[in-house]
Amino acid sequence: MSNLWRTTSEEKRELERLEKPIYNSVRQAAEVHRQVRKYIKQILKPGILMTDLCETLENTVRKLISENGLQAGIAFPTGCSLNWVAAHWTPNSGDKTVLQYDDVMKLDFGTHIDGHIVDCAFTVAFNPMFNPLLEASREATNTGIKEAGIDVRLGDVGSAIQEVMESYEVEINGKVFQVKSIRNLNGHSLGRYQIHAEKSVPIVKGGEQTKMEEGEFYAIETFGSTGKGYVREDLECSHYMKNFDAGHVPLRLPRAKQLLATINKNFSTLAFCRRYLDRLGETKYLMALKNLCDAGIVEPCPPLCDIKGSYVSQFEHTILLRPTCKEVVSRGDDY
């Protein structure tokens, strides 16, 4: 292990002491994530309304993290994407979708303290037929975590992930599928109030030579699919996020200005969904929201879908590359 000097180096330990407050914020956010997912797993049953599931989960986060404006709270909308929908789906108001026994649901939610985000996800399937599919992405994610480290090339992490993911197959209703890594989805570095910072962690092999660096936070996530292994945007949009680099853009519509003020005050550059706007008492805002999207201030993030009829599973953890070690912040007894 060539990195041994890091754990023995006084300088590295001192660097770590300086970062202590940030580490502790992230650890606190991670503890809330563990508690919330433990509670949610107890109430997850086929027949639950997706809206109820999300609201229960979100209210539990708000309570446990002592939600406080932009200081502490929910980091992004609860993704509860079903089956061939891989990510970015959450019910909009009035949605009557109910969780079914044969659904494969990716539960992806985030917590933050002072903008330090824990992004962590797992997959729920009641039918044991899907176990190998879940196992594939869980093992692939664990492989990505093992391979990650200071000075490791991102492409090498992707190769290792794909090799494990695609060693699995799953039999669904008598038909055998090789599990595929979704090639246009990836893990990512995390910044403060920035869910997708500048680096991406591929989940397939490729030429990405960029290296992971000391002090970085990463969301290591993998998606295994029985479909094409490629997603595209589809379905009604629920997720939106203010562009991290959006400077001042002059807006003509007073309603758009007012909506932007609400977004700045409550979410800043963290992602939000329509239900969150409804909850804040905003009404008839779709036109203004479209205006903000057209102006490039807000980015719509529609659901990402593989081919209809396929199934996708996902597992994700947040890791911290400390000067002296690698910490899997969101690890729990469950996964």
Protein backbone atom coordinates (compact mmCIF):
# COMPACT_ATOMS: atom_id res chain seq x y z
CA MET A 1 0.00 0.00 0.00
CA SER A 2 1.88 3.08 -1.24
CA ASN A 3 -0.46 5.38 0.67
CA LEU A 4 0.64 4.16 4.08
CA TRP A 5 2.65 7.34 4.68
CA ARG A 6 -0.58 9.30 4.70
CA THR A 7 -1.80 7.66 7.90
CA THR A 8 1.56 8.13 9.62
CA SER A 9 2.18 11.69 8.41
CA GLU A 10 1.76 14.38 11.02
CA GLU A 11 1.03 16.91 8.30
CA LYS A 12 -1.88 14.86 6.93
CA ARG A 13 -3.33 14.41 10.41
CA GLU A 14 -3.12 18.15 10.99
CA LEU A 15 -4.93 18.81 7.69
CA GLU A 16 -7.62 16.46 8.91
CA ARG A 17 -8.03 18.33 12.20
CA LEU A 18 -8.60 21.56 10.26
CA GLU A 19 -11.45 19.95 8.30
CA LYS A 20 -13.14 18.51 11.39
CA PRO A 21 -16.20 20.84 11.35
CA ILE A 22 -17.02 19.87 7.75
CA TYR A 23 -16.57 16.16 8.46
CA ASN A 24 -18.87 16.43 11.44
CA SER A 25 -21.59 18.20 9.45
CA VAL A 26 -21.52 15.44 6.85
CA ARG A 27 -21.53 12.71 9.49
CA GLN A 28 -24.52 14.28 11.17
CA ALA A 29 -26.39 14.46 7.84
CA ALA A 30 -25.45 10.80 7.22
CA GLU A 31 -26.80 9.72 10.60
CA VAL A 32 -30.14 11.32 9.74
CA HIS A 33 -30.10 9.44 6.42
CA ARG A 34 -29.56 6.12 8.24
CA GLN A 35 -32.35 6.78 10.74
CA VAL A 36 -34.81 7.87 8.05
CA ARG A 37 -34.19 4.91 5.76
CA LYS A 38 -34.50 2.52 8.71
CA TYR A 39 -37.88 4.04 9.58
CA ILE A 40 -39.09 4.09 5.97
CA LYS A 41 -38.22 0.43 5.43
CA GLN A 42 -40.66 -0.44 8.21
CA ILE A 43 -43.59 1.25 6.46
CA LEU A 44 -42.75 0.31 2.85
CA LYS A 45 -45.45 -2.06 1.66
CA PRO A 46 -47.10 -2.72 -1.69
CA GLY A 47 -50.23 -0.56 -1.87
CA ILE A 48 -48.65 2.59 -0.40
CA LEU A 49 -49.35 5.78 -2.35
CA MET A 50 -46.07 7.17 -3.70
CA THR A 51 -47.01 10.67 -2.56
CA ASP A 52 -47.58 9.44 1.00
CA LEU A 53 -44.27 7.59 0.95
CA CYS A 54 -42.37 10.72 -0.13
CA GLU A 55 -44.12 13.04 2.28
CA THR A 56 -43.56 10.71 5.21
CA LEU A 57 -39.89 10.37 4.31
CA GLU A 58 -39.40 14.11 3.80
CA ASN A 59 -41.20 15.08 6.99
CA THR A 60 -39.05 12.60 8.92
CA VAL A 61 -35.89 14.16 7.46
CA ARG A 62 -37.15 17.65 8.33
CA LYS A 63 -37.81 16.61 11.91
CA LEU A 64 -34.59 14.66 12.53
CA ILE A 65 -32.25 17.15 10.89
CA SER A 66 -34.05 20.08 12.61
CA GLU A 67 -34.72 21.73 9.27
CA ASN A 68 -33.49 25.29 9.31
CA GLY A 69 -33.64 27.28 6.07
CA LEU A 70 -30.49 26.65 4.06
CA GLN A 71 -28.51 25.61 7.16
CA ALA A 72 -29.96 22.10 7.38
CA GLY A 73 -32.55 20.06 5.58
CA ILE A 74 -33.41 18.02 2.52
CA ALA A 75 -30.71 18.11 -0.17
CA PHE A 76 -32.88 17.20 -3.18
CA PRO A 77 -36.32 15.71 -3.98
CA THR A 78 -37.01 12.12 -2.98
CA GLY A 79 -36.42 10.00 -6.08
CA CYS A 80 -38.71 6.96 -6.02
CA SER A 81 -38.29 5.95 -9.66
CA LEU A 82 -40.03 2.72 -10.67
CA ASN A 83 -38.96 -0.13 -12.93
CA TRP A 84 -37.51 1.21 -16.21
CA VAL A 85 -37.31 4.76 -14.82
CA ALA A 86 -33.77 4.98 -13.46
CA ALA A 87 -33.75 8.37 -11.74
CA HIS A 88 -35.31 11.80 -11.14
CA TRP A 89 -38.92 10.71 -10.73
CA THR A 90 -40.98 11.89 -7.79
CA PRO A 91 -44.76 12.31 -7.81
CA ASN A 92 -46.15 15.74 -8.67
CA SER A 93 -49.24 16.85 -6.72
CA GLY A 94 -52.32 14.80 -7.52
CA ASP A 95 -50.30 11.82 -8.74
CA LYS A 96 -52.11 8.61 -7.78
CA THR A 97 -49.30 6.10 -8.43
CA VAL A 98 -49.31 3.21 -5.97
CA LEU A 99 -46.34 0.96 -5.18
CA GLN A 100 -46.95 -2.58 -6.49
CA TYR A 101 -45.60 -5.97 -5.39
CA ASP A 102 -43.77 -6.39 -8.73
CA ASP A 103 -42.19 -2.93 -8.78
CA VAL A 104 -38.47 -2.23 -8.52
CA MET A 105 -38.14 1.14 -6.79
CA LYS A 106 -34.98 3.20 -6.44
CA LEU A 107 -35.27 5.26 -3.25
CA ASP A 108 -32.76 8.08 -3.65
CA PHE A 109 -32.83 10.88 -1.09
CA GLY A 110 -30.37 13.35 0.35
CA THR A 111 -29.73 15.27 3.53
CA HIS A 112 -27.44 18.25 4.12
CA ILE A 113 -26.03 20.39 6.88
CA ASP A 114 -24.55 23.74 5.83
CA GLY A 115 -24.70 22.61 2.22
CA HIS A 116 -22.56 19.53 2.88
CA ILE A 117 -24.60 16.85 1.12
CA VAL A 118 -25.12 13.16 1.79
CA ASP A 119 -26.41 11.52 -1.40
CA CYS A 120 -27.31 7.90 -0.79
CA ALA A 121 -29.77 5.45 -2.36
CA PHE A 122 -30.98 1.87 -2.28
CA THR A 123 -33.43 -0.27 -4.25
CA VAL A 124 -36.61 -1.88 -2.95
CA ALA A 125 -38.20 -4.95 -4.55
CA PHE A 126 -40.73 -7.18 -2.79
CA ASN A 127 -40.58 -9.99 -5.33
CA PRO A 128 -37.48 -12.18 -4.70
CA MET A 129 -37.21 -12.76 -8.45
CA PHE A 130 -35.41 -9.38 -8.61
CA ASN A 131 -32.79 -10.23 -5.96
CA PRO A 132 -29.92 -10.86 -8.44
CA LEU A 133 -30.62 -7.48 -10.09
CA LEU A 134 -30.39 -5.70 -6.72
CA GLU A 135 -27.34 -7.72 -5.78
CA ALA A 136 -25.61 -6.64 -9.02
CA SER A 137 -25.86 -2.92 -8.33
CA ARG A 138 -25.13 -3.33 -4.61
CA GLU A 139 -21.92 -5.25 -5.35
CA ALA A 140 -20.97 -2.91 -8.20
CA THR A 141 -21.35 0.09 -5.87
CA ASN A 142 -19.26 -1.63 -3.19
CA THR A 143 -16.61 -2.33 -5.84
CA GLY A 144 -16.62 1.34 -6.86
CA ILE A 145 -16.16 2.31 -3.21
CA LYS A 146 -13.27 -0.16 -2.82
CA GLU A 147 -11.53 1.06 -5.99
CA ALA A 148 -11.97 4.77 -5.21
CA GLY A 149 -9.13 6.65 -3.56
CA ILE A 150 -6.74 9.57 -3.76
CA ASP A 151 -4.90 9.66 -7.12
CA VAL A 152 -7.09 6.89 -8.58
CA ARG A 153 -8.18 7.52 -12.18
CA LEU A 154 -11.95 7.81 -12.58
CA GLY A 155 -11.87 5.53 -15.63
CA ASP A 156 -10.34 2.72 -13.57
CA VAL A 157 -13.22 2.94 -11.09
CA GLY A 158 -15.69 2.68 -14.00
CA SER A 159 -13.98 -0.41 -15.44
CA ALA A 160 -14.05 -2.24 -12.11
CA ILE A 161 -17.74 -1.35 -11.61
CA GLN A 162 -18.77 -2.59 -15.04
CA GLU A 163 -16.90 -5.85 -14.65
CA VAL A 164 -18.76 -6.71 -11.44
CA MET A 165 -22.15 -5.43 -12.62
CA GLU A 166 -22.10 -7.38 -15.86
CA SER A 167 -21.07 -10.63 -14.18
CA TYR A 168 -24.68 -10.89 -12.95
CA GLU A 169 -27.74 -12.21 -14.71
CA VAL A 170 -31.35 -12.23 -13.63
CA GLU A 171 -34.27 -14.41 -14.71
CA ILE A 172 -37.52 -12.48 -14.98
CA ASN A 173 -40.67 -14.43 -15.81
CA GLY A 174 -38.66 -17.20 -17.47
CA LYS A 175 -36.41 -14.91 -19.52
CA VAL A 176 -32.73 -14.45 -18.65
CA PHE A 177 -31.13 -11.01 -18.88
CA GLN A 178 -27.52 -10.06 -18.40
CA VAL A 179 -27.42 -7.04 -16.12
CA LYS A 180 -25.96 -3.99 -17.90
CA SER A 181 -24.30 -0.92 -16.43
CA ILE A 182 -26.21 2.12 -17.71
CA ARG A 183 -23.50 3.82 -19.73
CA ASN A 184 -24.82 7.39 -19.61
CA LEU A 185 -25.39 7.53 -15.85
CA ASN A 186 -22.61 8.00 -13.34
CA GLY A 187 -21.46 8.88 -9.86
CA HIS A 188 -20.18 12.40 -9.23
CA SER A 189 -18.16 14.61 -6.95
CA LEU A 190 -20.16 16.66 -4.45
CA GLY A 191 -19.62 20.34 -3.74
CA ARG A 192 -21.15 22.61 -1.15
CA TYR A 193 -24.79 23.24 -2.18
CA GLN A 194 -23.79 21.49 -5.42
CA ILE A 195 -25.06 17.95 -5.95
CA HIS A 196 -23.15 17.40 -9.20
CA ALA A 197 -19.76 19.08 -8.89
CA GLU A 198 -17.24 18.97 -11.71
CA LYS A 199 -16.12 15.32 -11.72
CA SER A 200 -18.07 12.27 -12.91
CA VAL A 201 -17.47 8.67 -11.86
CA PRO A 202 -18.30 6.45 -14.84
CA ILE A 203 -19.89 3.03 -14.33
CA VAL A 204 -18.54 1.58 -17.59
CA LYS A 205 -15.01 1.33 -18.89
CA GLY A 206 -13.71 4.25 -20.90
CA GLY A 207 -10.76 6.58 -21.17
CA GLU A 208 -11.45 8.95 -18.26
CA GLN A 209 -7.94 9.81 -17.00
CA THR A 210 -8.92 12.48 -14.44
CA LYS A 211 -7.86 11.58 -10.91
CA MET A 212 -9.69 11.67 -7.61
CA GLU A 213 -8.06 14.08 -5.18
CA GLU A 214 -7.59 14.44 -1.46
CA GLY A 215 -10.41 16.19 0.37
CA GLU A 216 -13.05 15.44 -2.25
CA PHE A 217 -16.52 14.07 -1.57
CA TYR A 218 -18.00 11.61 -4.04
CA ALA A 219 -21.38 9.99 -4.55
CA ILE A 220 -20.51 6.52 -5.80
CA GLU A 221 -23.66 5.17 -7.47
CA THR A 222 -24.29 2.41 -9.95
CA PHE A 223 -27.31 1.52 -12.06
CA GLY A 224 -27.90 -2.02 -13.33
CA SER A 225 -30.49 -2.54 -16.06
CA THR A 226 -32.21 -5.38 -17.91
CA GLY A 227 -32.89 -2.96 -20.79
CA LYS A 228 -30.59 -1.23 -23.25
CA GLY A 229 -28.27 0.13 -20.57
CA TYR A 230 -28.90 3.64 -21.88
CA VAL A 231 -31.34 6.24 -20.54
CA ARG A 232 -33.17 9.15 -22.13
CA GLU A 233 -35.44 11.87 -20.76
CA ASP A 234 -39.13 11.01 -20.71
CA LEU A 235 -42.34 11.55 -18.70
CA GLU A 236 -43.53 14.64 -16.84
CA CYS A 237 -40.81 16.70 -15.17
CA SER A 238 -40.84 17.05 -11.38
CA HIS A 239 -37.21 17.93 -10.53
CA TYR A 240 -35.64 21.35 -11.09
CA MET A 241 -32.43 22.96 -9.96
CA LYS A 242 -31.06 26.48 -10.10
CA ASN A 243 -28.01 26.63 -12.33
CA PHE A 244 -24.96 26.73 -10.03
CA ASP A 245 -23.18 29.24 -12.28
CA ALA A 246 -26.20 31.35 -13.22
CA GLY A 247 -25.21 34.95 -12.91
CA HIS A 248 -27.74 37.76 -12.86
CA VAL A 249 -30.21 37.39 -15.73
CA PRO A 250 -32.71 40.23 -16.25
CA LEU A 251 -36.28 38.90 -16.12
CA ARG A 252 -39.28 40.68 -17.59
CA LEU A 253 -42.09 38.69 -15.95
CA PRO A 254 -42.77 39.89 -12.38
CA ARG A 255 -44.13 36.42 -11.58
CA ALA A 256 -40.84 34.82 -12.65
CA LYS A 257 -38.86 37.26 -10.48
CA GLN A 258 -41.07 36.44 -7.52
CA LEU A 259 -40.71 32.68 -8.07
CA LEU A 260 -36.94 33.06 -8.35
CA ALA A 261 -36.92 34.88 -5.01
CA THR A 262 -38.76 31.90 -3.46
CA ILE A 263 -36.26 29.47 -5.02
CA ASN A 264 -33.24 31.51 -3.87
CA LYS A 265 -34.55 31.80 -0.34
CA ASN A 266 -35.61 28.17 0.13
CA PHE A 267 -33.34 26.08 -2.09
CA SER A 268 -30.52 28.27 -3.42
CA THR A 269 -28.69 25.87 -5.82
CA LEU A 270 -30.10 22.67 -4.26
CA ALA A 271 -32.58 20.70 -6.37
CA PHE A 272 -36.30 21.02 -5.63
CA CYS A 273 -39.55 19.62 -7.01
CA ARG A 274 -43.03 20.92 -7.70
CA ARG A 275 -44.38 19.46 -4.44
CA TYR A 276 -41.88 21.62 -2.53
CA LEU A 277 -43.19 24.75 -4.27
CA ASP A 278 -46.79 23.69 -3.51
CA ARG A 279 -45.84 23.23 0.14
CA LEU A 280 -44.47 26.77 0.28
CA GLY A 281 -47.83 28.05 -0.91
CA GLU A 282 -46.79 28.78 -4.50
CA THR A 283 -49.66 28.29 -7.00
CA LYS A 284 -50.03 28.69 -10.77
CA TYR A 285 -46.25 28.84 -11.16
CA LEU A 286 -45.70 26.60 -14.22
CA MET A 287 -45.49 29.51 -16.67
CA ALA A 288 -43.01 31.38 -14.45
CA LEU A 289 -40.99 28.19 -13.92
CA LYS A 290 -40.82 27.63 -17.68
CA ASN A 291 -39.68 31.24 -18.05
CA LEU A 292 -36.82 30.63 -15.57
CA CYS A 293 -35.87 27.44 -17.45
CA ASP A 294 -35.94 29.22 -20.82
CA ALA A 295 -33.72 31.96 -19.38
CA GLY A 296 -31.18 29.33 -18.32
CA ILE A 297 -31.49 30.23 -14.62
CA VAL A 298 -33.22 26.98 -13.66
CA GLU A 299 -32.41 23.58 -15.13
CA PRO A 300 -35.30 21.10 -15.58
CA CYS A 301 -34.23 17.52 -14.68
CA PRO A 302 -36.83 15.19 -16.25
CA PRO A 303 -37.01 11.47 -15.36
CA LEU A 304 -34.30 9.32 -16.98
CA CYS A 305 -35.70 6.14 -18.50
CA ASP A 306 -34.42 2.95 -20.07
CA ILE A 307 -36.73 1.06 -22.46
CA LYS A 308 -40.27 0.46 -21.30
CA GLY A 309 -40.71 -2.93 -19.64
CA SER A 310 -37.13 -3.13 -18.37
CA TYR A 311 -36.00 -2.95 -14.73
CA VAL A 312 -33.27 -0.82 -13.18
CA SER A 313 -31.68 -1.10 -9.76
CA GLN A 314 -29.41 1.41 -7.99
CA PHE A 315 -27.27 1.63 -4.85
CA GLU A 316 -25.34 4.72 -3.82
CA HIS A 317 -23.08 5.94 -1.01
CA THR A 318 -21.31 9.18 -0.21
CA ILE A 319 -17.59 8.82 0.44
CA LEU A 320 -15.00 11.26 1.70
CA LEU A 321 -11.35 11.04 0.64
CA ARG A 322 -9.75 12.20 3.84
CA PRO A 323 -6.00 12.93 3.91
CA THR A 324 -5.38 9.78 5.97
CA CYS A 325 -8.16 7.41 4.88
CA LYS A 326 -11.32 6.86 2.87
CA GLU A 327 -14.52 7.25 4.86
CA VAL A 328 -17.81 5.78 3.60
CA VAL A 329 -19.92 8.38 5.34
CA SER A 330 -23.36 6.96 4.57
CA ARG A 331 -22.61 3.27 5.25
CA GLY A 332 -25.12 1.61 7.60
CA ASP A 333 -25.94 -1.86 8.92
CA ASP A 334 -28.35 -2.23 5.99
CA TYR A 335 -26.02 -1.61 3.02
